[in-house]
Amino acid sequence: MKTRFAKIRRSRRPPGGSAVVVLLALLTVMLLLLAANTAALNRLTQEVKGVEKRQVQRLNASSKPPVRPAQSATNQPAER
């Protein structure tokens, strides 16, 4: 003899693990993106430091007085 409870138990499906798999996949993708962004940010920081260093060197070189050419060793014209 079948009872109502037996029918209800058969119709219930065991909980699947697909939601866990999807969440783990999303978490993995997020961590990969985070690592890639961190690496790119570090490279950009180094690039900005290099550009800043070159600019400071260029500005320091332009702020120095210009080098005067050496005076020539020719004789001055005599006064008359």
N, C-alpha and C. Protein backbone atom coordinates (compact mmCIF):
# COMPACT_ATOMS: atom_id res chain seq x y z
N MET A 1 0.82 -1.16 0.00
CA MET A 1 0.00 0.00 0.00
C MET A 1 0.89 1.25 0.00
N LYS A 2 0.58 2.15 -0.89
CA LYS A 2 1.36 3.37 -1.00
C LYS A 2 0.70 4.47 -0.18
N THR A 3 1.54 5.20 0.49
CA THR A 3 1.03 6.31 1.30
C THR A 3 1.39 7.64 0.64
N ARG A 4 0.85 8.69 1.14
CA ARG A 4 1.13 10.02 0.61
C ARG A 4 2.59 10.40 0.84
N PHE A 5 3.15 9.97 1.96
CA PHE A 5 4.52 10.34 2.28
C PHE A 5 5.52 9.69 1.34
N ALA A 6 5.25 8.51 0.91
CA ALA A 6 6.14 7.83 -0.02
C ALA A 6 6.16 8.57 -1.35
N LYS A 7 5.02 9.06 -1.80
CA LYS A 7 4.94 9.78 -3.05
C LYS A 7 5.69 11.11 -2.95
N ILE A 8 5.57 11.79 -1.86
CA ILE A 8 6.25 13.08 -1.65
C ILE A 8 7.76 12.86 -1.64
N ARG A 9 8.22 11.81 -1.02
CA ARG A 9 9.66 11.56 -0.96
C ARG A 9 10.23 11.28 -2.35
N ARG A 10 9.49 10.59 -3.17
CA ARG A 10 9.97 10.28 -4.51
C ARG A 10 10.03 11.53 -5.38
N SER A 11 9.11 12.46 -5.19
CA SER A 11 9.07 13.64 -6.03
C SER A 11 10.16 14.66 -5.65
N ARG A 12 10.65 14.58 -4.46
CA ARG A 12 11.73 15.48 -4.06
C ARG A 12 13.03 15.06 -4.70
N ARG A 13 13.75 16.04 -5.18
CA ARG A 13 15.04 15.74 -5.79
C ARG A 13 16.13 16.12 -4.80
N PRO A 14 17.17 15.39 -4.77
CA PRO A 14 18.26 15.75 -3.87
C PRO A 14 18.88 17.07 -4.34
N PRO A 15 19.33 17.88 -3.41
CA PRO A 15 19.90 19.17 -3.80
C PRO A 15 21.15 18.96 -4.67
N GLY A 16 21.20 19.71 -5.74
CA GLY A 16 22.32 19.58 -6.66
C GLY A 16 23.46 20.50 -6.24
N GLY A 17 24.65 20.20 -6.72
CA GLY A 17 25.81 21.01 -6.39
C GLY A 17 26.18 21.98 -7.49
N SER A 18 25.28 22.20 -8.43
CA SER A 18 25.60 23.08 -9.56
C SER A 18 25.78 24.52 -9.11
N ALA A 19 25.04 24.97 -8.13
CA ALA A 19 25.18 26.35 -7.65
C ALA A 19 26.55 26.55 -7.02
N VAL A 20 27.04 25.57 -6.34
CA VAL A 20 28.36 25.66 -5.73
C VAL A 20 29.43 25.73 -6.81
N VAL A 21 29.27 24.94 -7.84
CA VAL A 21 30.25 24.94 -8.94
C VAL A 21 30.25 26.29 -9.65
N VAL A 22 29.08 26.85 -9.88
CA VAL A 22 28.98 28.16 -10.54
C VAL A 22 29.61 29.23 -9.68
N LEU A 23 29.34 29.22 -8.40
CA LEU A 23 29.93 30.22 -7.50
C LEU A 23 31.45 30.09 -7.42
N LEU A 24 31.94 28.88 -7.40
CA LEU A 24 33.40 28.68 -7.39
C LEU A 24 34.03 29.17 -8.69
N ALA A 25 33.35 28.93 -9.80
CA ALA A 25 33.86 29.41 -11.09
C ALA A 25 33.89 30.94 -11.12
N LEU A 26 32.84 31.58 -10.66
CA LEU A 26 32.81 33.04 -10.61
C LEU A 26 33.89 33.60 -9.68
N LEU A 27 34.07 32.96 -8.57
CA LEU A 27 35.11 33.39 -7.62
C LEU A 27 36.49 33.25 -8.25
N THR A 28 36.72 32.19 -8.98
CA THR A 28 38.00 31.98 -9.65
C THR A 28 38.25 33.06 -10.69
N VAL A 29 37.23 33.37 -11.48
CA VAL A 29 37.36 34.43 -12.49
C VAL A 29 37.65 35.77 -11.83
N MET A 30 36.96 36.06 -10.75
CA MET A 30 37.19 37.32 -10.04
C MET A 30 38.61 37.40 -9.49
N LEU A 31 39.12 36.31 -8.96
CA LEU A 31 40.48 36.31 -8.43
C LEU A 31 41.51 36.48 -9.55
N LEU A 32 41.26 35.85 -10.70
CA LEU A 32 42.16 36.02 -11.84
C LEU A 32 42.18 37.47 -12.32
N LEU A 33 41.01 38.09 -12.39
CA LEU A 33 40.94 39.49 -12.79
C LEU A 33 41.64 40.39 -11.78
N LEU A 34 41.48 40.10 -10.52
CA LEU A 34 42.15 40.88 -9.47
C LEU A 34 43.66 40.77 -9.60
N ALA A 35 44.15 39.58 -9.84
CA ALA A 35 45.60 39.39 -10.00
C ALA A 35 46.12 40.11 -11.24
N ALA A 36 45.37 40.04 -12.33
CA ALA A 36 45.79 40.72 -13.56
C ALA A 36 45.78 42.23 -13.38
N ASN A 37 44.77 42.76 -12.72
CA ASN A 37 44.70 44.20 -12.48
C ASN A 37 45.82 44.67 -11.56
N THR A 38 46.14 43.88 -10.57
CA THR A 38 47.23 44.24 -9.66
C THR A 38 48.56 44.27 -10.39
N ALA A 39 48.80 43.30 -11.24
CA ALA A 39 50.04 43.27 -12.01
C ALA A 39 50.11 44.45 -12.96
N ALA A 40 49.01 44.77 -13.62
CA ALA A 40 48.99 45.92 -14.54
C ALA A 40 49.21 47.22 -13.78
N LEU A 41 48.63 47.34 -12.62
CA LEU A 41 48.81 48.54 -11.81
C LEU A 41 50.25 48.70 -11.39
N ASN A 42 50.90 47.61 -11.01
CA ASN A 42 52.32 47.68 -10.65
C ASN A 42 53.18 48.10 -11.82
N ARG A 43 52.89 47.56 -13.02
CA ARG A 43 53.65 47.96 -14.21
C ARG A 43 53.44 49.44 -14.53
N LEU A 44 52.22 49.90 -14.42
CA LEU A 44 51.93 51.31 -14.69
C LEU A 44 52.60 52.22 -13.67
N THR A 45 52.64 51.81 -12.43
CA THR A 45 53.31 52.60 -11.40
C THR A 45 54.80 52.73 -11.71
N GLN A 46 55.43 51.64 -12.12
CA GLN A 46 56.84 51.69 -12.48
C GLN A 46 57.06 52.59 -13.70
N GLU A 47 56.15 52.52 -14.66
CA GLU A 47 56.27 53.36 -15.86
C GLU A 47 56.15 54.84 -15.50
N VAL A 48 55.21 55.18 -14.63
CA VAL A 48 55.03 56.57 -14.22
C VAL A 48 56.27 57.06 -13.47
N LYS A 49 56.84 56.22 -12.63
CA LYS A 49 58.06 56.61 -11.92
C LYS A 49 59.20 56.87 -12.90
N GLY A 50 59.32 56.03 -13.94
CA GLY A 50 60.36 56.21 -14.94
C GLY A 50 60.17 57.51 -15.72
N VAL A 51 58.93 57.80 -16.10
CA VAL A 51 58.64 59.04 -16.84
C VAL A 51 58.93 60.24 -15.96
N GLU A 52 58.54 60.16 -14.70
CA GLU A 52 58.79 61.27 -13.78
C GLU A 52 60.29 61.50 -13.60
N LYS A 53 61.05 60.44 -13.49
CA LYS A 53 62.50 60.56 -13.33
C LYS A 53 63.12 61.23 -14.55
N ARG A 54 62.70 60.81 -15.76
CA ARG A 54 63.23 61.42 -16.98
C ARG A 54 62.86 62.90 -17.08
N GLN A 55 61.65 63.25 -16.67
CA GLN A 55 61.23 64.65 -16.72
C GLN A 55 62.03 65.50 -15.74
N VAL A 56 62.27 64.98 -14.55
CA VAL A 56 63.06 65.72 -13.57
C VAL A 56 64.47 65.93 -14.08
N GLN A 57 65.05 64.90 -14.69
CA GLN A 57 66.40 65.05 -15.24
C GLN A 57 66.41 66.09 -16.37
N ARG A 58 65.40 66.07 -17.22
CA ARG A 58 65.33 67.02 -18.32
C ARG A 58 65.16 68.44 -17.79
N LEU A 59 64.31 68.62 -16.79
CA LEU A 59 64.09 69.95 -16.23
C LEU A 59 65.32 70.45 -15.48
N ASN A 60 66.01 69.57 -14.80
CA ASN A 60 67.24 69.98 -14.10
C ASN A 60 68.31 70.38 -15.10
N ALA A 61 68.39 69.70 -16.21
CA ALA A 61 69.39 70.04 -17.21
C ALA A 61 69.07 71.37 -17.87
N SER A 62 67.80 71.70 -18.07
CA SER A 62 67.43 72.96 -18.72
C SER A 62 67.52 74.14 -17.77
N SER A 63 67.51 73.93 -16.47
CA SER A 63 67.59 75.04 -15.52
C SER A 63 69.03 75.49 -15.27
N LYS A 64 70.01 74.71 -15.67
CA LYS A 64 71.41 75.10 -15.50
C LYS A 64 71.75 76.18 -16.52
N PRO A 65 72.64 77.10 -16.19
CA PRO A 65 73.02 78.12 -17.16
C PRO A 65 73.70 77.47 -18.36
N PRO A 66 73.50 78.04 -19.55
CA PRO A 66 74.11 77.42 -20.72
C PRO A 66 75.63 77.55 -20.67
N VAL A 67 76.26 76.56 -21.22
CA VAL A 67 77.73 76.55 -21.25
C VAL A 67 78.18 77.55 -22.31
N ARG A 68 79.09 78.47 -21.91
CA ARG A 68 79.59 79.47 -22.84
C ARG A 68 80.70 78.86 -23.68
N PRO A 69 80.71 79.16 -24.94
CA PRO A 69 81.80 78.62 -25.76
C PRO A 69 83.13 79.24 -25.35
N ALA A 70 84.18 78.47 -25.50
CA ALA A 70 85.52 78.96 -25.13
C ALA A 70 85.89 80.12 -26.05
N GLN A 71 86.59 81.10 -25.44
CA GLN A 71 86.99 82.24 -26.26
C GLN A 71 88.09 81.81 -27.20
N SER A 72 88.05 82.40 -28.40
CA SER A 72 89.03 81.98 -29.40
C SER A 72 90.40 82.55 -29.06
N ALA A 73 91.41 81.91 -29.54
CA ALA A 73 92.79 82.29 -29.25
C ALA A 73 93.37 83.25 -30.31
N THR A 74 92.49 83.84 -31.10
CA THR A 74 93.00 84.74 -32.12
C THR A 74 93.37 86.09 -31.51
N ASN A 75 94.25 86.77 -32.15
CA ASN A 75 94.69 88.09 -31.67
C ASN A 75 93.59 89.11 -31.93
N GLN A 76 93.48 90.02 -30.98
CA GLN A 76 92.53 91.10 -31.14
C GLN A 76 93.08 92.13 -32.12
N PRO A 77 92.24 92.75 -32.90
CA PRO A 77 92.78 93.76 -33.81
C PRO A 77 93.40 94.93 -33.04
N ALA A 78 94.47 95.42 -33.52
CA ALA A 78 95.17 96.52 -32.85
C ALA A 78 94.42 97.81 -33.03
N GLU A 79 94.48 98.62 -32.02
CA GLU A 79 93.80 99.91 -32.07
C GLU A 79 94.65 100.87 -32.88
N ARG A 80 94.10 101.76 -33.66
CA ARG A 80 94.85 102.72 -34.47
C ARG A 80 94.78 104.06 -33.91
